[in-house]
Amino acid sequence: MLIPMVDMKHTGENIVSLRRRKGLTVRDIQRLLGFTTPQAIYKWQRGETLPTIENLAALACILCVPMEEILAVECRGA
């Protein structure tokens, strides 16, 4: 049986790539999400943490992509 797993490092790379393609800085994303500091975004980009579902949905809107384009999911055998 295959189980979908989120690849945090690749997801972070996707966030960086999509952000840059849109011409946005980390500070731009910070302001648009209403964060007081950019630390969470840097952690997402490094693959240390993942955005909450609410932040993922907002990020998808900001970047004009579906959430599936941000998340890197791979299926692994159980």
PDB file of N, CA and C in Angstrom:
ATOM      1  N   MET A   1       0.847  -1.185   0.000  1.00  0.00           N
ATOM      2  CA  MET A   1       0.000   0.000   0.000  1.00  0.00           C
ATOM      3  C   MET A   1       0.892   1.248   0.000  1.00  0.00           C
ATOM      4  N   LEU A   2       0.577   2.181  -0.865  1.00  0.00           N
ATOM      5  CA  LEU A   2       1.347   3.423  -0.940  1.00  0.00           C
ATOM      6  C   LEU A   2       0.709   4.481  -0.051  1.00  0.00           C
ATOM      7  N   ILE A   3       1.561   5.170   0.679  1.00  0.00           N
ATOM      8  CA  ILE A   3       1.106   6.220   1.586  1.00  0.00           C
ATOM      9  C   ILE A   3       1.699   7.544   1.134  1.00  0.00           C
ATOM     10  N   PRO A   4       0.850   8.564   0.902  1.00  0.00           N
ATOM     11  CA  PRO A   4       1.395   9.866   0.489  1.00  0.00           C
ATOM     12  C   PRO A   4       2.111  10.554   1.649  1.00  0.00           C
ATOM     13  N   MET A   5       3.296  11.058   1.351  1.00  0.00           N
ATOM     14  CA  MET A   5       4.102  11.775   2.343  1.00  0.00           C
ATOM     15  C   MET A   5       4.531  13.107   1.744  1.00  0.00           C
ATOM     16  N   VAL A   6       4.470  14.168   2.539  1.00  0.00           N
ATOM     17  CA  VAL A   6       4.921  15.478   2.074  1.00  0.00           C
ATOM     18  C   VAL A   6       6.436  15.562   2.238  1.00  0.00           C
ATOM     19  N   ASP A   7       7.118  15.886   1.157  1.00  0.00           N
ATOM     20  CA  ASP A   7       8.558  16.105   1.170  1.00  0.00           C
ATOM     21  C   ASP A   7       8.768  17.572   1.556  1.00  0.00           C
ATOM     22  N   MET A   8       9.156  17.797   2.810  1.00  0.00           N
ATOM     23  CA  MET A   8       9.249  19.164   3.331  1.00  0.00           C
ATOM     24  C   MET A   8      10.330  19.977   2.625  1.00  0.00           C
ATOM     25  N   LYS A   9      11.467  19.354   2.336  1.00  0.00           N
ATOM     26  CA  LYS A   9      12.552  20.088   1.687  1.00  0.00           C
ATOM     27  C   LYS A   9      12.136  20.525   0.280  1.00  0.00           C
ATOM     28  N   HIS A  10      11.555  19.610  -0.476  1.00  0.00           N
ATOM     29  CA  HIS A  10      11.132  19.937  -1.834  1.00  0.00           C
ATOM     30  C   HIS A  10       9.981  20.945  -1.814  1.00  0.00           C
ATOM     31  N   THR A  11       9.095  20.839  -0.828  1.00  0.00           N
ATOM     32  CA  THR A  11       8.019  21.823  -0.684  1.00  0.00           C
ATOM     33  C   THR A  11       8.617  23.211  -0.451  1.00  0.00           C
ATOM     34  N   GLY A  12       9.630  23.295   0.402  1.00  0.00           N
ATOM     35  CA  GLY A  12      10.304  24.569   0.644  1.00  0.00           C
ATOM     36  C   GLY A  12      10.923  25.135  -0.617  1.00  0.00           C
ATOM     37  N   GLU A  13      11.534  24.246  -1.417  1.00  0.00           N
ATOM     38  CA  GLU A  13      12.118  24.684  -2.687  1.00  0.00           C
ATOM     39  C   GLU A  13      11.032  25.194  -3.630  1.00  0.00           C
ATOM     40  N   ASN A  14       9.870  24.545  -3.607  1.00  0.00           N
ATOM     41  CA  ASN A  14       8.750  25.016  -4.423  1.00  0.00           C
ATOM     42  C   ASN A  14       8.309  26.414  -3.998  1.00  0.00           C
ATOM     43  N   ILE A  15       8.239  26.644  -2.697  1.00  0.00           N
ATOM     44  CA  ILE A  15       7.824  27.957  -2.185  1.00  0.00           C
ATOM     45  C   ILE A  15       8.796  29.030  -2.668  1.00  0.00           C
ATOM     46  N   VAL A  16      10.085  28.754  -2.554  1.00  0.00           N
ATOM     47  CA  VAL A  16      11.097  29.725  -3.003  1.00  0.00           C
ATOM     48  C   VAL A  16      10.936  30.001  -4.496  1.00  0.00           C
ATOM     49  N   SER A  17      10.840  28.952  -5.280  1.00  0.00           N
ATOM     50  CA  SER A  17      10.742  29.092  -6.730  1.00  0.00           C
ATOM     51  C   SER A  17       9.490  29.862  -7.146  1.00  0.00           C
ATOM     52  N   LEU A  18       8.351  29.503  -6.573  1.00  0.00           N
ATOM     53  CA  LEU A  18       7.089  30.167  -6.923  1.00  0.00           C
ATOM     54  C   LEU A  18       7.081  31.623  -6.461  1.00  0.00           C
ATOM     55  N   ARG A  19       7.653  31.880  -5.284  1.00  0.00           N
ATOM     56  CA  ARG A  19       7.730  33.252  -4.771  1.00  0.00           C
ATOM     57  C   ARG A  19       8.568  34.118  -5.706  1.00  0.00           C
ATOM     58  N   ARG A  20       9.713  33.591  -6.092  1.00  0.00           N
ATOM     59  CA  ARG A  20      10.603  34.343  -6.990  1.00  0.00           C
ATOM     60  C   ARG A  20       9.956  34.559  -8.353  1.00  0.00           C
ATOM     61  N   ARG A  21       9.284  33.521  -8.864  1.00  0.00           N
ATOM     62  CA  ARG A  21       8.615  33.634 -10.167  1.00  0.00           C
ATOM     63  C   ARG A  21       7.567  34.742 -10.132  1.00  0.00           C
ATOM     64  N   LYS A  22       6.927  34.906  -8.992  1.00  0.00           N
ATOM     65  CA  LYS A  22       5.904  35.940  -8.835  1.00  0.00           C
ATOM     66  C   LYS A  22       6.533  37.310  -8.548  1.00  0.00           C
ATOM     67  N   GLY A  23       7.852  37.346  -8.307  1.00  0.00           N
ATOM     68  CA  GLY A  23       8.548  38.610  -8.046  1.00  0.00           C
ATOM     69  C   GLY A  23       8.328  39.136  -6.640  1.00  0.00           C
ATOM     70  N   LEU A  24       8.095  38.228  -5.696  1.00  0.00           N
ATOM     71  CA  LEU A  24       7.829  38.625  -4.317  1.00  0.00           C
ATOM     72  C   LEU A  24       9.014  38.307  -3.423  1.00  0.00           C
ATOM     73  N   THR A  25       9.222  39.130  -2.408  1.00  0.00           N
ATOM     74  CA  THR A  25      10.246  38.876  -1.400  1.00  0.00           C
ATOM     75  C   THR A  25       9.588  38.159  -0.219  1.00  0.00           C
ATOM     76  N   VAL A  26      10.424  37.652   0.667  1.00  0.00           N
ATOM     77  CA  VAL A  26       9.907  37.039   1.891  1.00  0.00           C
ATOM     78  C   VAL A  26       9.124  38.085   2.691  1.00  0.00           C
ATOM     79  N   ARG A  27       9.631  39.295   2.727  1.00  0.00           N
ATOM     80  CA  ARG A  27       8.935  40.379   3.447  1.00  0.00           C
ATOM     81  C   ARG A  27       7.568  40.672   2.822  1.00  0.00           C
ATOM     82  N   ASP A  28       7.456  40.581   1.501  1.00  0.00           N
ATOM     83  CA  ASP A  28       6.160  40.766   0.845  1.00  0.00           C
ATOM     84  C   ASP A  28       5.167  39.710   1.337  1.00  0.00           C
ATOM     85  N   ILE A  29       5.616  38.453   1.350  1.00  0.00           N
ATOM     86  CA  ILE A  29       4.759  37.356   1.816  1.00  0.00           C
ATOM     87  C   ILE A  29       4.384  37.581   3.281  1.00  0.00           C
ATOM     88  N   GLN A  30       5.354  37.997   4.070  1.00  0.00           N
ATOM     89  CA  GLN A  30       5.113  38.277   5.489  1.00  0.00           C
ATOM     90  C   GLN A  30       3.985  39.289   5.645  1.00  0.00           C
ATOM     91  N   ARG A  31       4.070  40.378   4.925  1.00  0.00           N
ATOM     92  CA  ARG A  31       3.040  41.424   5.031  1.00  0.00           C
ATOM     93  C   ARG A  31       1.684  40.927   4.544  1.00  0.00           C
ATOM     94  N   LEU A  32       1.677  40.208   3.420  1.00  0.00           N
ATOM     95  CA  LEU A  32       0.420  39.727   2.863  1.00  0.00           C
ATOM     96  C   LEU A  32      -0.274  38.713   3.783  1.00  0.00           C
ATOM     97  N   LEU A  33       0.520  37.939   4.517  1.00  0.00           N
ATOM     98  CA  LEU A  33      -0.056  36.970   5.450  1.00  0.00           C
ATOM     99  C   LEU A  33      -0.334  37.578   6.826  1.00  0.00           C
ATOM    100  N   GLY A  34       0.139  38.803   7.041  1.00  0.00           N
ATOM    101  CA  GLY A  34      -0.105  39.473   8.323  1.00  0.00           C
ATOM    102  C   GLY A  34       0.787  38.992   9.453  1.00  0.00           C
ATOM    103  N   PHE A  35       1.947  38.428   9.114  1.00  0.00           N
ATOM    104  CA  PHE A  35       2.889  37.969  10.135  1.00  0.00           C
ATOM    105  C   PHE A  35       3.685  39.160  10.666  1.00  0.00           C
ATOM    106  N   THR A  36       4.058  39.110  11.932  1.00  0.00           N
ATOM    107  CA  THR A  36       4.874  40.188  12.506  1.00  0.00           C
ATOM    108  C   THR A  36       6.352  40.005  12.185  1.00  0.00           C
ATOM    109  N   THR A  37       6.786  38.759  11.944  1.00  0.00           N
ATOM    110  CA  THR A  37       8.168  38.483  11.563  1.00  0.00           C
ATOM    111  C   THR A  37       8.165  37.485  10.403  1.00  0.00           C
ATOM    112  N   PRO A  38       9.278  37.403   9.665  1.00  0.00           N
ATOM    113  CA  PRO A  38       9.336  36.489   8.522  1.00  0.00           C
ATOM    114  C   PRO A  38       9.838  35.084   8.873  1.00  0.00           C
ATOM    115  N   GLN A  39      10.109  34.805  10.143  1.00  0.00           N
ATOM    116  CA  GLN A  39      10.748  33.554  10.535  1.00  0.00           C
ATOM    117  C   GLN A  39      10.011  32.310  10.039  1.00  0.00           C
ATOM    118  N   ALA A  40       8.697  32.291  10.126  1.00  0.00           N
ATOM    119  CA  ALA A  40       7.932  31.113   9.693  1.00  0.00           C
ATOM    120  C   ALA A  40       8.155  30.852   8.208  1.00  0.00           C
ATOM    121  N   ILE A  41       8.179  31.907   7.411  1.00  0.00           N
ATOM    122  CA  ILE A  41       8.355  31.754   5.972  1.00  0.00           C
ATOM    123  C   ILE A  41       9.744  31.205   5.661  1.00  0.00           C
ATOM    124  N   TYR A  42      10.758  31.697   6.368  1.00  0.00           N
ATOM    125  CA  TYR A  42      12.107  31.167   6.176  1.00  0.00           C
ATOM    126  C   TYR A  42      12.154  29.681   6.541  1.00  0.00           C
ATOM    127  N   LYS A  43      11.461  29.290   7.613  1.00  0.00           N
ATOM    128  CA  LYS A  43      11.425  27.879   8.009  1.00  0.00           C
ATOM    129  C   LYS A  43      10.728  27.030   6.948  1.00  0.00           C
ATOM    130  N   TRP A  44       9.655  27.547   6.348  1.00  0.00           N
ATOM    131  CA  TRP A  44       8.992  26.822   5.257  1.00  0.00           C
ATOM    132  C   TRP A  44       9.966  26.621   4.119  1.00  0.00           C
ATOM    133  N   GLN A  45      10.670  27.687   3.745  1.00  0.00           N
ATOM    134  CA  GLN A  45      11.574  27.644   2.598  1.00  0.00           C
ATOM    135  C   GLN A  45      12.740  26.691   2.812  1.00  0.00           C
ATOM    136  N   ARG A  46      13.171  26.540   4.065  1.00  0.00           N
ATOM    137  CA  ARG A  46      14.268  25.610   4.381  1.00  0.00           C
ATOM    138  C   ARG A  46      13.765  24.178   4.568  1.00  0.00           C
ATOM    139  N   GLY A  47      12.452  23.984   4.553  1.00  0.00           N
ATOM    140  CA  GLY A  47      11.895  22.656   4.741  1.00  0.00           C
ATOM    141  C   GLY A  47      11.896  22.193   6.186  1.00  0.00           C
ATOM    142  N   GLU A  48      11.989  23.140   7.120  1.00  0.00           N
ATOM    143  CA  GLU A  48      11.983  22.797   8.542  1.00  0.00           C
ATOM    144  C   GLU A  48      10.568  22.597   9.070  1.00  0.00           C
ATOM    145  N   THR A  49       9.630  23.364   8.533  1.00  0.00           N
ATOM    146  CA  THR A  49       8.223  23.256   8.920  1.00  0.00           C
ATOM    147  C   THR A  49       7.366  23.432   7.673  1.00  0.00           C
ATOM    148  N   LEU A  50       6.083  23.131   7.821  1.00  0.00           N
ATOM    149  CA  LEU A  50       5.124  23.335   6.744  1.00  0.00           C
ATOM    150  C   LEU A  50       4.123  24.402   7.159  1.00  0.00           C
ATOM    151  N   PRO A  51       3.575  25.127   6.194  1.00  0.00           N
ATOM    152  CA  PRO A  51       2.523  26.089   6.528  1.00  0.00           C
ATOM    153  C   PRO A  51       1.281  25.344   7.034  1.00  0.00           C
ATOM    154  N   THR A  52       0.521  25.999   7.905  1.00  0.00           N
ATOM    155  CA  THR A  52      -0.767  25.443   8.299  1.00  0.00           C
ATOM    156  C   THR A  52      -1.649  25.394   7.056  1.00  0.00           C
ATOM    157  N   ILE A  53      -2.720  24.667   7.121  1.00  0.00           N
ATOM    158  CA  ILE A  53      -3.618  24.578   5.966  1.00  0.00           C
ATOM    159  C   ILE A  53      -4.165  25.956   5.592  1.00  0.00           C
ATOM    160  N   GLU A  54      -4.445  26.800   6.589  1.00  0.00           N
ATOM    161  CA  GLU A  54      -4.934  28.150   6.314  1.00  0.00           C
ATOM    162  C   GLU A  54      -3.863  28.983   5.615  1.00  0.00           C
ATOM    163  N   ASN A  55      -2.623  28.884   6.101  1.00  0.00           N
ATOM    164  CA  ASN A  55      -1.534  29.632   5.471  1.00  0.00           C
ATOM    165  C   ASN A  55      -1.190  29.073   4.099  1.00  0.00           C
ATOM    166  N   LEU A  56      -1.323  27.760   3.933  1.00  0.00           N
ATOM    167  CA  LEU A  56      -1.087  27.157   2.623  1.00  0.00           C
ATOM    168  C   LEU A  56      -2.113  27.649   1.607  1.00  0.00           C
ATOM    169  N   ALA A  57      -3.374  27.721   2.020  1.00  0.00           N
ATOM    170  CA  ALA A  57      -4.428  28.221   1.130  1.00  0.00           C
ATOM    171  C   ALA A  57      -4.171  29.682   0.766  1.00  0.00           C
ATOM    172  N   ALA A  58      -3.786  30.493   1.754  1.00  0.00           N
ATOM    173  CA  ALA A  58      -3.499  31.906   1.497  1.00  0.00           C
ATOM    174  C   ALA A  58      -2.278  32.050   0.584  1.00  0.00           C
ATOM    175  N   LEU A  59      -1.256  31.244   0.828  1.00  0.00           N
ATOM    176  CA  LEU A  59      -0.049  31.286   0.008  1.00  0.00           C
ATOM    177  C   LEU A  59      -0.366  30.909  -1.434  1.00  0.00           C
ATOM    178  N   ALA A  60      -1.214  29.918  -1.617  1.00  0.00           N
ATOM    179  CA  ALA A  60      -1.623  29.514  -2.966  1.00  0.00           C
ATOM    180  C   ALA A  60      -2.320  30.669  -3.687  1.00  0.00           C
ATOM    181  N   CYS A  61      -3.164  31.386  -2.970  1.00  0.00           N
ATOM    182  CA  CYS A  61      -3.839  32.549  -3.569  1.00  0.00           C
ATOM    183  C   CYS A  61      -2.834  33.642  -3.920  1.00  0.00           C
ATOM    184  N   ILE A  62      -1.918  33.912  -3.009  1.00  0.00           N
ATOM    185  CA  ILE A  62      -0.903  34.950  -3.238  1.00  0.00           C
ATOM    186  C   ILE A  62      -0.042  34.607  -4.452  1.00  0.00           C
ATOM    187  N   LEU A  63       0.322  33.328  -4.569  1.00  0.00           N
ATOM    188  CA  LEU A  63       1.204  32.892  -5.648  1.00  0.00           C
ATOM    189  C   LEU A  63       0.444  32.514  -6.919  1.00  0.00           C
ATOM    190  N   CYS A  64      -0.889  32.554  -6.848  1.00  0.00           N
ATOM    191  CA  CYS A  64      -1.758  32.239  -7.998  1.00  0.00           C
ATOM    192  C   CYS A  64      -1.523  30.826  -8.541  1.00  0.00           C
ATOM    193  N   VAL A  65      -1.403  29.872  -7.624  1.00  0.00           N
ATOM    194  CA  VAL A  65      -1.232  28.467  -7.994  1.00  0.00           C
ATOM    195  C   VAL A  65      -2.121  27.613  -7.094  1.00  0.00           C
ATOM    196  N   PRO A  66      -2.451  26.401  -7.534  1.00  0.00           N
ATOM    197  CA  PRO A  66      -3.179  25.493  -6.645  1.00  0.00           C
ATOM    198  C   PRO A  66      -2.249  24.999  -5.528  1.00  0.00           C
ATOM    199  N   MET A  67      -2.811  24.640  -4.401  1.00  0.00           N
ATOM    200  CA  MET A  67      -2.004  24.154  -3.278  1.00  0.00           C
ATOM    201  C   MET A  67      -1.139  22.966  -3.683  1.00  0.00           C
ATOM    202  N   GLU A  68      -1.631  22.149  -4.595  1.00  0.00           N
ATOM    203  CA  GLU A  68      -0.888  20.978  -5.041  1.00  0.00           C
ATOM    204  C   GLU A  68       0.423  21.344  -5.726  1.00  0.00           C
ATOM    205  N   GLU A  69       0.507  22.561  -6.249  1.00  0.00           N
ATOM    206  CA  GLU A  69       1.749  22.992  -6.891  1.00  0.00           C
ATOM    207  C   GLU A  69       2.789  23.422  -5.858  1.00  0.00           C
ATOM    208  N   ILE A  70       2.345  23.760  -4.668  1.00  0.00           N
ATOM    209  CA  ILE A  70       3.252  24.138  -3.595  1.00  0.00           C
ATOM    210  C   ILE A  70       3.765  22.888  -2.888  1.00  0.00           C
ATOM    211  N   LEU A  71       2.853  22.002  -2.518  1.00  0.00           N
ATOM    212  CA  LEU A  71       3.225  20.793  -1.791  1.00  0.00           C
ATOM    213  C   LEU A  71       3.892  19.772  -2.699  1.00  0.00           C
ATOM    214  N   ALA A  72       4.994  19.220  -2.243  1.00  0.00           N
ATOM    215  CA  ALA A  72       5.665  18.136  -2.955  1.00  0.00           C
ATOM    216  C   ALA A  72       5.294  16.840  -2.220  1.00  0.00           C
ATOM    217  N   VAL A  73       4.462  16.040  -2.852  1.00  0.00           N
ATOM    218  CA  VAL A  73       3.983  14.802  -2.233  1.00  0.00           C
ATOM    219  C   VAL A  73       4.550  13.616  -2.998  1.00  0.00           C
ATOM    220  N   GLU A  74       5.051  12.668  -2.242  1.00  0.00           N
ATOM    221  CA  GLU A  74       5.522  11.425  -2.864  1.00  0.00           C
ATOM    222  C   GLU A  74       4.861  10.267  -2.142  1.00  0.00           C
ATOM    223  N   CYS A  75       4.614   9.219  -2.864  1.00  0.00           N
ATOM    224  CA  CYS A  75       3.987   8.043  -2.279  1.00  0.00           C
ATOM    225  C   CYS A  75       5.052   7.023  -1.928  1.00  0.00           C
ATOM    226  N   ARG A  76       4.981   6.535  -0.705  1.00  0.00           N
ATOM    227  CA  ARG A  76       5.947   5.545  -0.227  1.00  0.00           C
ATOM    228  C   ARG A  76       5.204   4.291   0.207  1.00  0.00           C
ATOM    229  N   GLY A  77       5.866   3.181   0.069  1.00  0.00           N
ATOM    230  CA  GLY A  77       5.273   1.922   0.492  1.00  0.00           C
ATOM    231  C   GLY A  77       5.255   1.800   1.999  1.00  0.00           C
ATOM    232  N   ALA A  78       4.209   1.160   2.507  1.00  0.00           N
ATOM    233  CA  ALA A  78       4.098   0.987   3.968  1.00  0.00           C
ATOM    234  C   ALA A  78       4.802  -0.256   4.416  1.00  0.00           C
TER     235      ALA A  78
END
